[in-house]
Amino acid sequence: HALGMALVRQRRYDEALVALERAAQLQPAQPQYAYVHAIALHDTGDPARALRVLAKNAERHPADPATLMALAQYSAESGDRDAALRWAAKLSALRPGDPEVAALVKSLMGKDGK
């Protein structure tokens, strides 16, 4: 994981993606490793794969707020509002009263509140 992060800082993205994916595979009990791998995938132009990595991470770690937040945001970004709302609802149940989560839900609901 540290190697992958160092490679990102050096802008060696292809190598970083390999290192981050390997770290996530070797340490599946660490939700942040898959999360960071997914963010890197998204930021290097592979949002569909990022969503798949995040969804798998959410299966393993259903209470990981960073993963749920990214799933909601990336689903919305991809145009899948229904999926975004489902992920946001899970996050909201996990963190009731969190203003950041409430703002996300409100933005996903839109002005019409539906």
PDB file of N, CA and C in Angstrom:
ATOM      1  N   HIS A   1       0.834  -1.199   0.000  1.00  0.00           N
ATOM      2  CA  HIS A   1       0.000   0.000   0.000  1.00  0.00           C
ATOM      3  C   HIS A   1       0.873   1.254   0.000  1.00  0.00           C
ATOM      4  N   ALA A   2       1.895   1.258   0.852  1.00  0.00           N
ATOM      5  CA  ALA A   2       2.799   2.412   0.918  1.00  0.00           C
ATOM      6  C   ALA A   2       3.518   2.601  -0.413  1.00  0.00           C
ATOM      7  N   LEU A   3       3.908   1.497  -1.055  1.00  0.00           N
ATOM      8  CA  LEU A   3       4.569   1.595  -2.360  1.00  0.00           C
ATOM      9  C   LEU A   3       3.627   2.222  -3.375  1.00  0.00           C
ATOM     10  N   GLY A   4       2.386   1.765  -3.394  1.00  0.00           N
ATOM     11  CA  GLY A   4       1.408   2.328  -4.326  1.00  0.00           C
ATOM     12  C   GLY A   4       1.218   3.817  -4.122  1.00  0.00           C
ATOM     13  N   MET A   5       1.136   4.236  -2.880  1.00  0.00           N
ATOM     14  CA  MET A   5       0.969   5.664  -2.586  1.00  0.00           C
ATOM     15  C   MET A   5       2.208   6.453  -3.022  1.00  0.00           C
ATOM     16  N   ALA A   6       3.380   5.894  -2.805  1.00  0.00           N
ATOM     17  CA  ALA A   6       4.618   6.564  -3.231  1.00  0.00           C
ATOM     18  C   ALA A   6       4.648   6.697  -4.752  1.00  0.00           C
ATOM     19  N   LEU A   7       4.215   5.673  -5.448  1.00  0.00           N
ATOM     20  CA  LEU A   7       4.187   5.719  -6.910  1.00  0.00           C
ATOM     21  C   LEU A   7       3.174   6.754  -7.412  1.00  0.00           C
ATOM     22  N   VAL A   8       2.057   6.891  -6.733  1.00  0.00           N
ATOM     23  CA  VAL A   8       1.089   7.931  -7.092  1.00  0.00           C
ATOM     24  C   VAL A   8       1.735   9.301  -6.962  1.00  0.00           C
ATOM     25  N   ARG A   9       2.415   9.523  -5.851  1.00  0.00           N
ATOM     26  CA  ARG A   9       3.074  10.823  -5.642  1.00  0.00           C
ATOM     27  C   ARG A   9       4.121  11.106  -6.720  1.00  0.00           C
ATOM     28  N   GLN A  10       4.712  10.042  -7.254  1.00  0.00           N
ATOM     29  CA  GLN A  10       5.707  10.188  -8.324  1.00  0.00           C
ATOM     30  C   GLN A  10       5.048  10.237  -9.708  1.00  0.00           C
ATOM     31  N   ARG A  11       3.725  10.176  -9.721  1.00  0.00           N
ATOM     32  CA  ARG A  11       2.934  10.198 -10.962  1.00  0.00           C
ATOM     33  C   ARG A  11       3.221   8.989 -11.857  1.00  0.00           C
ATOM     34  N   ARG A  12       3.574   7.882 -11.243  1.00  0.00           N
ATOM     35  CA  ARG A  12       3.802   6.619 -11.954  1.00  0.00           C
ATOM     36  C   ARG A  12       2.534   5.783 -11.780  1.00  0.00           C
ATOM     37  N   TYR A  13       1.490   6.236 -12.465  1.00  0.00           N
ATOM     38  CA  TYR A  13       0.149   5.738 -12.200  1.00  0.00           C
ATOM     39  C   TYR A  13      -0.056   4.272 -12.567  1.00  0.00           C
ATOM     40  N   ASP A  14       0.475   3.833 -13.690  1.00  0.00           N
ATOM     41  CA  ASP A  14       0.287   2.427 -14.063  1.00  0.00           C
ATOM     42  C   ASP A  14       0.886   1.504 -13.009  1.00  0.00           C
ATOM     43  N   GLU A  15       2.079   1.808 -12.568  1.00  0.00           N
ATOM     44  CA  GLU A  15       2.727   1.006 -11.527  1.00  0.00           C
ATOM     45  C   GLU A  15       1.973   1.124 -10.202  1.00  0.00           C
ATOM     46  N   ALA A  16       1.493   2.314  -9.921  1.00  0.00           N
ATOM     47  CA  ALA A  16       0.751   2.534  -8.678  1.00  0.00           C
ATOM     48  C   ALA A  16      -0.514   1.693  -8.644  1.00  0.00           C
ATOM     49  N   LEU A  17      -1.234   1.645  -9.758  1.00  0.00           N
ATOM     50  CA  LEU A  17      -2.465   0.852  -9.802  1.00  0.00           C
ATOM     51  C   LEU A  17      -2.191  -0.623  -9.522  1.00  0.00           C
ATOM     52  N   VAL A  18      -1.110  -1.132 -10.076  1.00  0.00           N
ATOM     53  CA  VAL A  18      -0.751  -2.530  -9.839  1.00  0.00           C
ATOM     54  C   VAL A  18      -0.435  -2.748  -8.359  1.00  0.00           C
ATOM     55  N   ALA A  19       0.363  -1.846  -7.785  1.00  0.00           N
ATOM     56  CA  ALA A  19       0.746  -1.978  -6.373  1.00  0.00           C
ATOM     57  C   ALA A  19      -0.466  -1.838  -5.447  1.00  0.00           C
ATOM     58  N   LEU A  20      -1.354  -0.909  -5.759  1.00  0.00           N
ATOM     59  CA  LEU A  20      -2.542  -0.715  -4.918  1.00  0.00           C
ATOM     60  C   LEU A  20      -3.496  -1.897  -5.016  1.00  0.00           C
ATOM     61  N   GLU A  21      -3.651  -2.427  -6.214  1.00  0.00           N
ATOM     62  CA  GLU A  21      -4.507  -3.603  -6.371  1.00  0.00           C
ATOM     63  C   GLU A  21      -3.924  -4.789  -5.601  1.00  0.00           C
ATOM     64  N   ARG A  22      -2.635  -4.958  -5.693  1.00  0.00           N
ATOM     65  CA  ARG A  22      -1.976  -6.070  -4.979  1.00  0.00           C
ATOM     66  C   ARG A  22      -2.139  -5.915  -3.466  1.00  0.00           C
ATOM     67  N   ALA A  23      -1.978  -4.709  -2.976  1.00  0.00           N
ATOM     68  CA  ALA A  23      -2.147  -4.473  -1.536  1.00  0.00           C
ATOM     69  C   ALA A  23      -3.563  -4.828  -1.093  1.00  0.00           C
ATOM     70  N   ALA A  24      -4.543  -4.440  -1.899  1.00  0.00           N
ATOM     71  CA  ALA A  24      -5.941  -4.750  -1.565  1.00  0.00           C
ATOM     72  C   ALA A  24      -6.187  -6.256  -1.580  1.00  0.00           C
ATOM     73  N   GLN A  25      -5.567  -6.958  -2.521  1.00  0.00           N
ATOM     74  CA  GLN A  25      -5.726  -8.409  -2.593  1.00  0.00           C
ATOM     75  C   GLN A  25      -5.063  -9.106  -1.407  1.00  0.00           C
ATOM     76  N   LEU A  26      -3.899  -8.603  -1.011  1.00  0.00           N
ATOM     77  CA  LEU A  26      -3.150  -9.234   0.080  1.00  0.00           C
ATOM     78  C   LEU A  26      -3.750  -8.938   1.454  1.00  0.00           C
ATOM     79  N   GLN A  27      -4.451  -7.817   1.571  1.00  0.00           N
ATOM     80  CA  GLN A  27      -5.015  -7.399   2.853  1.00  0.00           C
ATOM     81  C   GLN A  27      -6.507  -7.095   2.721  1.00  0.00           C
ATOM     82  N   PRO A  28      -7.322  -8.090   2.390  1.00  0.00           N
ATOM     83  CA  PRO A  28      -8.755  -7.819   2.200  1.00  0.00           C
ATOM     84  C   PRO A  28      -9.458  -7.357   3.477  1.00  0.00           C
ATOM     85  N   ALA A  29      -8.837  -7.562   4.621  1.00  0.00           N
ATOM     86  CA  ALA A  29      -9.447  -7.108   5.879  1.00  0.00           C
ATOM     87  C   ALA A  29      -9.271  -5.609   6.095  1.00  0.00           C
ATOM     88  N   GLN A  30      -8.495  -4.960   5.247  1.00  0.00           N
ATOM     89  CA  GLN A  30      -8.244  -3.519   5.353  1.00  0.00           C
ATOM     90  C   GLN A  30      -9.080  -2.784   4.298  1.00  0.00           C
ATOM     91  N   PRO A  31     -10.239  -2.266   4.657  1.00  0.00           N
ATOM     92  CA  PRO A  31     -11.106  -1.641   3.645  1.00  0.00           C
ATOM     93  C   PRO A  31     -10.470  -0.444   2.949  1.00  0.00           C
ATOM     94  N   GLN A  32      -9.570   0.256   3.618  1.00  0.00           N
ATOM     95  CA  GLN A  32      -8.985   1.444   3.010  1.00  0.00           C
ATOM     96  C   GLN A  32      -8.093   1.093   1.817  1.00  0.00           C
ATOM     97  N   TYR A  33      -7.551  -0.121   1.770  1.00  0.00           N
ATOM     98  CA  TYR A  33      -6.685  -0.488   0.644  1.00  0.00           C
ATOM     99  C   TYR A  33      -7.494  -0.577  -0.652  1.00  0.00           C
ATOM    100  N   ALA A  34      -8.625  -1.253  -0.612  1.00  0.00           N
ATOM    101  CA  ALA A  34      -9.481  -1.329  -1.800  1.00  0.00           C
ATOM    102  C   ALA A  34     -10.052   0.047  -2.136  1.00  0.00           C
ATOM    103  N   TYR A  35     -10.390   0.815  -1.101  1.00  0.00           N
ATOM    104  CA  TYR A  35     -10.911   2.168  -1.316  1.00  0.00           C
ATOM    105  C   TYR A  35      -9.891   3.026  -2.074  1.00  0.00           C
ATOM    106  N   VAL A  36      -8.657   3.027  -1.630  1.00  0.00           N
ATOM    107  CA  VAL A  36      -7.612   3.830  -2.286  1.00  0.00           C
ATOM    108  C   VAL A  36      -7.377   3.325  -3.704  1.00  0.00           C
ATOM    109  N   HIS A  37      -7.391   2.015  -3.888  1.00  0.00           N
ATOM    110  CA  HIS A  37      -7.245   1.461  -5.231  1.00  0.00           C
ATOM    111  C   HIS A  37      -8.369   1.971  -6.134  1.00  0.00           C
ATOM    112  N   ALA A  38      -9.598   1.957  -5.633  1.00  0.00           N
ATOM    113  CA  ALA A  38     -10.739   2.425  -6.426  1.00  0.00           C
ATOM    114  C   ALA A  38     -10.629   3.905  -6.757  1.00  0.00           C
ATOM    115  N   ILE A  39     -10.205   4.706  -5.803  1.00  0.00           N
ATOM    116  CA  ILE A  39     -10.048   6.143  -6.067  1.00  0.00           C
ATOM    117  C   ILE A  39      -9.011   6.360  -7.164  1.00  0.00           C
ATOM    118  N   ALA A  40      -7.926   5.609  -7.085  1.00  0.00           N
ATOM    119  CA  ALA A  40      -6.891   5.722  -8.111  1.00  0.00           C
ATOM    120  C   ALA A  40      -7.426   5.304  -9.480  1.00  0.00           C
ATOM    121  N   LEU A  41      -8.204   4.232  -9.521  1.00  0.00           N
ATOM    122  CA  LEU A  41      -8.814   3.824 -10.788  1.00  0.00           C
ATOM    123  C   LEU A  41      -9.701   4.932 -11.349  1.00  0.00           C
ATOM    124  N   HIS A  42     -10.534   5.474 -10.502  1.00  0.00           N
ATOM    125  CA  HIS A  42     -11.429   6.552 -10.917  1.00  0.00           C
ATOM    126  C   HIS A  42     -10.639   7.751 -11.442  1.00  0.00           C
ATOM    127  N   ASP A  43      -9.651   8.141 -10.684  1.00  0.00           N
ATOM    128  CA  ASP A  43      -8.895   9.349 -11.030  1.00  0.00           C
ATOM    129  C   ASP A  43      -7.991   9.168 -12.246  1.00  0.00           C
ATOM    130  N   THR A  44      -7.739   7.925 -12.638  1.00  0.00           N
ATOM    131  CA  THR A  44      -6.939   7.674 -13.839  1.00  0.00           C
ATOM    132  C   THR A  44      -7.813   7.261 -15.021  1.00  0.00           C
ATOM    133  N   GLY A  45      -9.123   7.459 -14.888  1.00  0.00           N
ATOM    134  CA  GLY A  45     -10.003   7.297 -16.035  1.00  0.00           C
ATOM    135  C   GLY A  45     -10.732   5.977 -16.166  1.00  0.00           C
ATOM    136  N   ASP A  46     -10.849   5.221 -15.094  1.00  0.00           N
ATOM    137  CA  ASP A  46     -11.576   3.952 -15.154  1.00  0.00           C
ATOM    138  C   ASP A  46     -12.677   3.919 -14.085  1.00  0.00           C
ATOM    139  N   PRO A  47     -13.679   4.793 -14.217  1.00  0.00           N
ATOM    140  CA  PRO A  47     -14.712   4.872 -13.185  1.00  0.00           C
ATOM    141  C   PRO A  47     -15.566   3.607 -13.072  1.00  0.00           C
ATOM    142  N   ALA A  48     -15.780   2.891 -14.157  1.00  0.00           N
ATOM    143  CA  ALA A  48     -16.584   1.661 -14.086  1.00  0.00           C
ATOM    144  C   ALA A  48     -15.870   0.610 -13.236  1.00  0.00           C
ATOM    145  N   ARG A  49     -14.585   0.462 -13.440  1.00  0.00           N
ATOM    146  CA  ARG A  49     -13.833  -0.503 -12.627  1.00  0.00           C
ATOM    147  C   ARG A  49     -13.771  -0.041 -11.179  1.00  0.00           C
ATOM    148  N   ALA A  50     -13.649   1.262 -10.979  1.00  0.00           N
ATOM    149  CA  ALA A  50     -13.636   1.795  -9.612  1.00  0.00           C
ATOM    150  C   ALA A  50     -14.925   1.423  -8.883  1.00  0.00           C
ATOM    151  N   LEU A  51     -16.056   1.547  -9.564  1.00  0.00           N
ATOM    152  CA  LEU A  51     -17.333   1.177  -8.950  1.00  0.00           C
ATOM    153  C   LEU A  51     -17.381  -0.306  -8.604  1.00  0.00           C
ATOM    154  N   ARG A  52     -16.829  -1.147  -9.476  1.00  0.00           N
ATOM    155  CA  ARG A  52     -16.815  -2.591  -9.186  1.00  0.00           C
ATOM    156  C   ARG A  52     -15.948  -2.901  -7.963  1.00  0.00           C
ATOM    157  N   VAL A  53     -14.786  -2.261  -7.879  1.00  0.00           N
ATOM    158  CA  VAL A  53     -13.901  -2.474  -6.730  1.00  0.00           C
ATOM    159  C   VAL A  53     -14.582  -2.005  -5.446  1.00  0.00           C
ATOM    160  N   LEU A  54     -15.228  -0.858  -5.509  1.00  0.00           N
ATOM    161  CA  LEU A  54     -15.917  -0.325  -4.335  1.00  0.00           C
ATOM    162  C   LEU A  54     -17.087  -1.212  -3.921  1.00  0.00           C
ATOM    163  N   ALA A  55     -17.849  -1.710  -4.892  1.00  0.00           N
ATOM    164  CA  ALA A  55     -18.989  -2.568  -4.570  1.00  0.00           C
ATOM    165  C   ALA A  55     -18.516  -3.856  -3.882  1.00  0.00           C
ATOM    166  N   LYS A  56     -17.433  -4.415  -4.371  1.00  0.00           N
ATOM    167  CA  LYS A  56     -16.880  -5.614  -3.738  1.00  0.00           C
ATOM    168  C   LYS A  56     -16.389  -5.282  -2.325  1.00  0.00           C
ATOM    169  N   ASN A  57     -15.783  -4.130  -2.173  1.00  0.00           N
ATOM    170  CA  ASN A  57     -15.318  -3.702  -0.854  1.00  0.00           C
ATOM    171  C   ASN A  57     -16.506  -3.517   0.095  1.00  0.00           C
ATOM    172  N   ALA A  58     -17.605  -2.991  -0.416  1.00  0.00           N
ATOM    173  CA  ALA A  58     -18.803  -2.802   0.413  1.00  0.00           C
ATOM    174  C   ALA A  58     -19.404  -4.143   0.834  1.00  0.00           C
ATOM    175  N   GLU A  59     -19.271  -5.168  -0.003  1.00  0.00           N
ATOM    176  CA  GLU A  59     -19.735  -6.503   0.387  1.00  0.00           C
ATOM    177  C   GLU A  59     -18.921  -7.013   1.578  1.00  0.00           C
ATOM    178  N   ARG A  60     -17.618  -6.798   1.519  1.00  0.00           N
ATOM    179  CA  ARG A  60     -16.731  -7.253   2.597  1.00  0.00           C
ATOM    180  C   ARG A  60     -16.842  -6.386   3.846  1.00  0.00           C
ATOM    181  N   HIS A  61     -17.050  -5.091   3.622  1.00  0.00           N
ATOM    182  CA  HIS A  61     -17.030  -4.113   4.719  1.00  0.00           C
ATOM    183  C   HIS A  61     -18.245  -3.188   4.597  1.00  0.00           C
ATOM    184  N   PRO A  62     -19.434  -3.698   4.914  1.00  0.00           N
ATOM    185  CA  PRO A  62     -20.657  -2.911   4.709  1.00  0.00           C
ATOM    186  C   PRO A  62     -20.771  -1.673   5.596  1.00  0.00           C
ATOM    187  N   ALA A  63     -19.924  -1.556   6.585  1.00  0.00           N
ATOM    188  CA  ALA A  63     -19.984  -0.395   7.478  1.00  0.00           C
ATOM    189  C   ALA A  63     -18.817   0.567   7.258  1.00  0.00           C
ATOM    190  N   ASP A  64     -18.160   0.481   6.102  1.00  0.00           N
ATOM    191  CA  ASP A  64     -17.054   1.394   5.823  1.00  0.00           C
ATOM    192  C   ASP A  64     -17.590   2.670   5.185  1.00  0.00           C
ATOM    193  N   PRO A  65     -17.603   3.773   5.922  1.00  0.00           N
ATOM    194  CA  PRO A  65     -18.223   4.996   5.407  1.00  0.00           C
ATOM    195  C   PRO A  65     -17.532   5.565   4.171  1.00  0.00           C
ATOM    196  N   ALA A  66     -16.219   5.469   4.085  1.00  0.00           N
ATOM    197  CA  ALA A  66     -15.517   6.018   2.923  1.00  0.00           C
ATOM    198  C   ALA A  66     -15.941   5.280   1.650  1.00  0.00           C
ATOM    199  N   THR A  67     -16.056   3.972   1.748  1.00  0.00           N
ATOM    200  CA  THR A  67     -16.480   3.177   0.592  1.00  0.00           C
ATOM    201  C   THR A  67     -17.906   3.528   0.182  1.00  0.00           C
ATOM    202  N   LEU A  68     -18.796   3.630   1.158  1.00  0.00           N
ATOM    203  CA  LEU A  68     -20.192   3.966   0.846  1.00  0.00           C
ATOM    204  C   LEU A  68     -20.319   5.362   0.246  1.00  0.00           C
ATOM    205  N   MET A  69     -19.564   6.309   0.773  1.00  0.00           N
ATOM    206  CA  MET A  69     -19.595   7.677   0.244  1.00  0.00           C
ATOM    207  C   MET A  69     -19.113   7.694  -1.213  1.00  0.00           C
ATOM    208  N   ALA A  70     -18.005   7.018  -1.469  1.00  0.00           N
ATOM    209  CA  ALA A  70     -17.486   6.978  -2.839  1.00  0.00           C
ATOM    210  C   ALA A  70     -18.472   6.282  -3.774  1.00  0.00           C
ATOM    211  N   LEU A  71     -19.092   5.211  -3.318  1.00  0.00           N
ATOM    212  CA  LEU A  71     -20.085   4.530  -4.149  1.00  0.00           C
ATOM    213  C   LEU A  71     -21.252   5.453  -4.487  1.00  0.00           C
ATOM    214  N   ALA A  72     -21.724   6.184  -3.519  1.00  0.00           N
ATOM    215  CA  ALA A  72     -22.827   7.115  -3.772  1.00  0.00           C
ATOM    216  C   ALA A  72     -22.402   8.198  -4.759  1.00  0.00           C
ATOM    217  N   GLN A  73     -21.245   8.775  -4.540  1.00  0.00           N
ATOM    218  CA  GLN A  73     -20.774   9.865  -5.400  1.00  0.00           C
ATOM    219  C   GLN A  73     -20.481   9.384  -6.818  1.00  0.00           C
ATOM    220  N   TYR A  74     -19.776   8.266  -6.934  1.00  0.00           N
ATOM    221  CA  TYR A  74     -19.411   7.766  -8.260  1.00  0.00           C
ATOM    222  C   TYR A  74     -20.627   7.224  -9.009  1.00  0.00           C
ATOM    223  N   SER A  75     -21.573   6.635  -8.292  1.00  0.00           N
ATOM    224  CA  SER A  75     -22.800   6.181  -8.948  1.00  0.00           C
ATOM    225  C   SER A  75     -23.563   7.373  -9.514  1.00  0.00           C
ATOM    226  N   ALA A  76     -23.654   8.438  -8.727  1.00  0.00           N
ATOM    227  CA  ALA A  76     -24.323   9.648  -9.210  1.00  0.00           C
ATOM    228  C   ALA A  76     -23.589  10.218 -10.416  1.00  0.00           C
ATOM    229  N   GLU A  77     -22.283  10.253 -10.322  1.00  0.00           N
ATOM    230  CA  GLU A  77     -21.464  10.779 -11.416  1.00  0.00           C
ATOM    231  C   GLU A  77     -21.672   9.983 -12.701  1.00  0.00           C
ATOM    232  N   SER A  78     -21.889   8.673 -12.560  1.00  0.00           N
ATOM    233  CA  SER A  78     -22.078   7.815 -13.734  1.00  0.00           C
ATOM    234  C   SER A  78     -23.509   7.876 -14.270  1.00  0.00           C
ATOM    235  N   GLY A  79     -24.369   8.605 -13.567  1.00  0.00           N
ATOM    236  CA  GLY A  79     -25.742   8.752 -14.014  1.00  0.00           C
ATOM    237  C   GLY A  79     -26.717   7.757 -13.398  1.00  0.00           C
ATOM    238  N   ASP A  80     -26.243   6.949 -12.467  1.00  0.00           N
ATOM    239  CA  ASP A  80     -27.110   5.956 -11.826  1.00  0.00           C
ATOM    240  C   ASP A  80     -27.610   6.518 -10.493  1.00  0.00           C
ATOM    241  N   ARG A  81     -28.591   7.381 -10.572  1.00  0.00           N
ATOM    242  CA  ARG A  81     -29.124   8.063  -9.393  1.00  0.00           C
ATOM    243  C   ARG A  81     -29.728   7.085  -8.393  1.00  0.00           C
ATOM    244  N   ASP A  82     -30.399   6.046  -8.900  1.00  0.00           N
ATOM    245  CA  ASP A  82     -31.016   5.074  -8.000  1.00  0.00           C
ATOM    246  C   ASP A  82     -29.966   4.357  -7.158  1.00  0.00           C
ATOM    247  N   ALA A  83     -28.887   3.922  -7.792  1.00  0.00           N
ATOM    248  CA  ALA A  83     -27.806   3.271  -7.042  1.00  0.00           C
ATOM    249  C   ALA A  83     -27.186   4.254  -6.061  1.00  0.00           C
ATOM    250  N   ALA A  84     -26.997   5.486  -6.507  1.00  0.00           N
ATOM    251  CA  ALA A  84     -26.418   6.510  -5.630  1.00  0.00           C
ATOM    252  C   ALA A  84     -27.280   6.695  -4.387  1.00  0.00           C
ATOM    253  N   LEU A  85     -28.590   6.732  -4.577  1.00  0.00           N
ATOM    254  CA  LEU A  85     -29.497   6.889  -3.440  1.00  0.00           C
ATOM    255  C   LEU A  85     -29.468   5.681  -2.512  1.00  0.00           C
ATOM    256  N   ARG A  86     -29.354   4.489  -3.085  1.00  0.00           N
ATOM    257  CA  ARG A  86     -29.268   3.281  -2.246  1.00  0.00           C
ATOM    258  C   ARG A  86     -28.003   3.303  -1.384  1.00  0.00           C
ATOM    259  N   TRP A  87     -26.870   3.659  -1.995  1.00  0.00           N
ATOM    260  CA  TRP A  87     -25.621   3.724  -1.222  1.00  0.00           C
ATOM    261  C   TRP A  87     -25.696   4.829  -0.175  1.00  0.00           C
ATOM    262  N   ALA A  88     -26.270   5.954  -0.549  1.00  0.00           N
ATOM    263  CA  ALA A  88     -26.392   7.068   0.393  1.00  0.00           C
ATOM    264  C   ALA A  88     -27.299   6.694   1.561  1.00  0.00           C
ATOM    265  N   ALA A  89     -28.353   5.924   1.296  1.00  0.00           N
ATOM    266  CA  ALA A  89     -29.250   5.486   2.368  1.00  0.00           C
ATOM    267  C   ALA A  89     -28.513   4.583   3.355  1.00  0.00           C
ATOM    268  N   LYS A  90     -27.671   3.694   2.838  1.00  0.00           N
ATOM    269  CA  LYS A  90     -26.875   2.830   3.722  1.00  0.00           C
ATOM    270  C   LYS A  90     -25.931   3.671   4.571  1.00  0.00           C
ATOM    271  N   LEU A  91     -25.330   4.651   3.947  1.00  0.00           N
ATOM    272  CA  LEU A  91     -24.416   5.536   4.672  1.00  0.00           C
ATOM    273  C   LEU A  91     -25.169   6.348   5.715  1.00  0.00           C
ATOM    274  N   SER A  92     -26.341   6.821   5.358  1.00  0.00           N
ATOM    275  CA  SER A  92     -27.155   7.603   6.284  1.00  0.00           C
ATOM    276  C   SER A  92     -27.574   6.770   7.496  1.00  0.00           C
ATOM    277  N   ALA A  93     -27.896   5.508   7.270  1.00  0.00           N
ATOM    278  CA  ALA A  93     -28.258   4.627   8.385  1.00  0.00           C
ATOM    279  C   ALA A  93     -27.062   4.384   9.300  1.00  0.00           C
ATOM    280  N   LEU A  94     -25.890   4.372   8.703  1.00  0.00           N
ATOM    281  CA  LEU A  94     -24.655   4.149   9.459  1.00  0.00           C
ATOM    282  C   LEU A  94     -24.235   5.397  10.236  1.00  0.00           C
ATOM    283  N   ARG A  95     -24.527   6.562   9.665  1.00  0.00           N
ATOM    284  CA  ARG A  95     -24.106   7.826  10.275  1.00  0.00           C
ATOM    285  C   ARG A  95     -25.262   8.818  10.335  1.00  0.00           C
ATOM    286  N   PRO A  96     -26.291   8.498  11.116  1.00  0.00           N
ATOM    287  CA  PRO A  96     -27.436   9.411  11.202  1.00  0.00           C
ATOM    288  C   PRO A  96     -27.007  10.748  11.804  1.00  0.00           C
ATOM    289  N   GLY A  97     -27.534  11.800  11.250  1.00  0.00           N
ATOM    290  CA  GLY A  97     -27.223  13.130  11.767  1.00  0.00           C
ATOM    291  C   GLY A  97     -25.929  13.716  11.244  1.00  0.00           C
ATOM    292  N   ASP A  98     -25.186  12.985  10.436  1.00  0.00           N
ATOM    293  CA  ASP A  98     -23.932  13.498   9.875  1.00  0.00           C
ATOM    294  C   ASP A  98     -24.274  14.533   8.800  1.00  0.00           C
ATOM    295  N   PRO A  99     -23.833  15.781   8.972  1.00  0.00           N
ATOM    296  CA  PRO A  99     -24.207  16.827   8.020  1.00  0.00           C
ATOM    297  C   PRO A  99     -23.669  16.580   6.605  1.00  0.00           C
ATOM    298  N   GLU A 100     -22.508  15.960   6.492  1.00  0.00           N
ATOM    299  CA  GLU A 100     -21.957  15.664   5.160  1.00  0.00           C
ATOM    300  C   GLU A 100     -22.829  14.640   4.436  1.00  0.00           C
ATOM    301  N   VAL A 101     -23.280  13.645   5.165  1.00  0.00           N
ATOM    302  CA  VAL A 101     -24.150  12.623   4.587  1.00  0.00           C
ATOM    303  C   VAL A 101     -25.502  13.237   4.230  1.00  0.00           C
ATOM    304  N   ALA A 102     -26.030  14.064   5.103  1.00  0.00           N
ATOM    305  CA  ALA A 102     -27.315  14.725   4.823  1.00  0.00           C
ATOM    306  C   ALA A 102     -27.217  15.592   3.571  1.00  0.00           C
ATOM    307  N   ALA A 103     -26.103  16.286   3.413  1.00  0.00           N
ATOM    308  CA  ALA A 103     -25.909  17.127   2.222  1.00  0.00           C
ATOM    309  C   ALA A 103     -25.837  16.263   0.963  1.00  0.00           C
ATOM    310  N   LEU A 104     -25.184  15.122   1.063  1.00  0.00           N
ATOM    311  CA  LEU A 104     -25.103  14.214  -0.083  1.00  0.00           C
ATOM    312  C   LEU A 104     -26.499  13.727  -0.468  1.00  0.00           C
ATOM    313  N   VAL A 105     -27.255  13.277   0.515  1.00  0.00           N
ATOM    314  CA  VAL A 105     -28.612  12.785   0.241  1.00  0.00           C
ATOM    315  C   VAL A 105     -29.455  13.895  -0.377  1.00  0.00           C
ATOM    316  N   LYS A 106     -29.355  15.083   0.171  1.00  0.00           N
ATOM    317  CA  LYS A 106     -30.125  16.215  -0.357  1.00  0.00           C
ATOM    318  C   LYS A 106     -29.745  16.514  -1.802  1.00  0.00           C
ATOM    319  N   SER A 107     -28.460  16.476  -2.095  1.00  0.00           N
ATOM    320  CA  SER A 107     -28.031  16.757  -3.469  1.00  0.00           C
ATOM    321  C   SER A 107     -28.501  15.667  -4.428  1.00  0.00           C
ATOM    322  N   LEU A 108     -28.536  14.428  -3.950  1.00  0.00           N
ATOM    323  CA  LEU A 108     -28.992  13.329  -4.804  1.00  0.00           C
ATOM    324  C   LEU A 108     -30.508  13.375  -5.019  1.00  0.00           C
ATOM    325  N   MET A 109     -31.214  13.847  -4.009  1.00  0.00           N
ATOM    326  CA  MET A 109     -32.665  13.950  -4.114  1.00  0.00           C
ATOM    327  C   MET A 109     -33.069  15.037  -5.112  1.00  0.00           C
ATOM    328  N   GLY A 110     -32.228  16.020  -5.277  1.00  0.00           N
ATOM    329  CA  GLY A 110     -32.543  17.092  -6.191  1.00  0.00           C
ATOM    330  C   GLY A 110     -33.490  18.102  -5.587  1.00  0.00           C
ATOM    331  N   LYS A 111     -33.778  19.092  -6.346  1.00  0.00           N
ATOM    332  CA  LYS A 111     -34.642  20.180  -5.872  1.00  0.00           C
ATOM    333  C   LYS A 111     -36.072  19.723  -5.625  1.00  0.00           C
ATOM    334  N   ASP A 112     -36.498  18.698  -6.386  1.00  0.00           N
ATOM    335  CA  ASP A 112     -37.887  18.245  -6.220  1.00  0.00           C
ATOM    336  C   ASP A 112     -38.084  17.362  -5.009  1.00  0.00           C
ATOM    337  N   GLY A 113     -36.958  16.932  -4.362  1.00  0.00           N
ATOM    338  CA  GLY A 113     -37.062  16.127  -3.162  1.00  0.00           C
ATOM    339  C   GLY A 113     -37.473  14.696  -3.401  1.00  0.00           C
ATOM    340  N   LYS A 114     -37.400  14.246  -4.649  1.00  0.00           N
ATOM    341  CA  LYS A 114     -37.821  12.878  -4.980  1.00  0.00           C
ATOM    342  C   LYS A 114     -36.631  12.036  -5.349  1.00  0.00           C
TER     343      LYS A 114
END
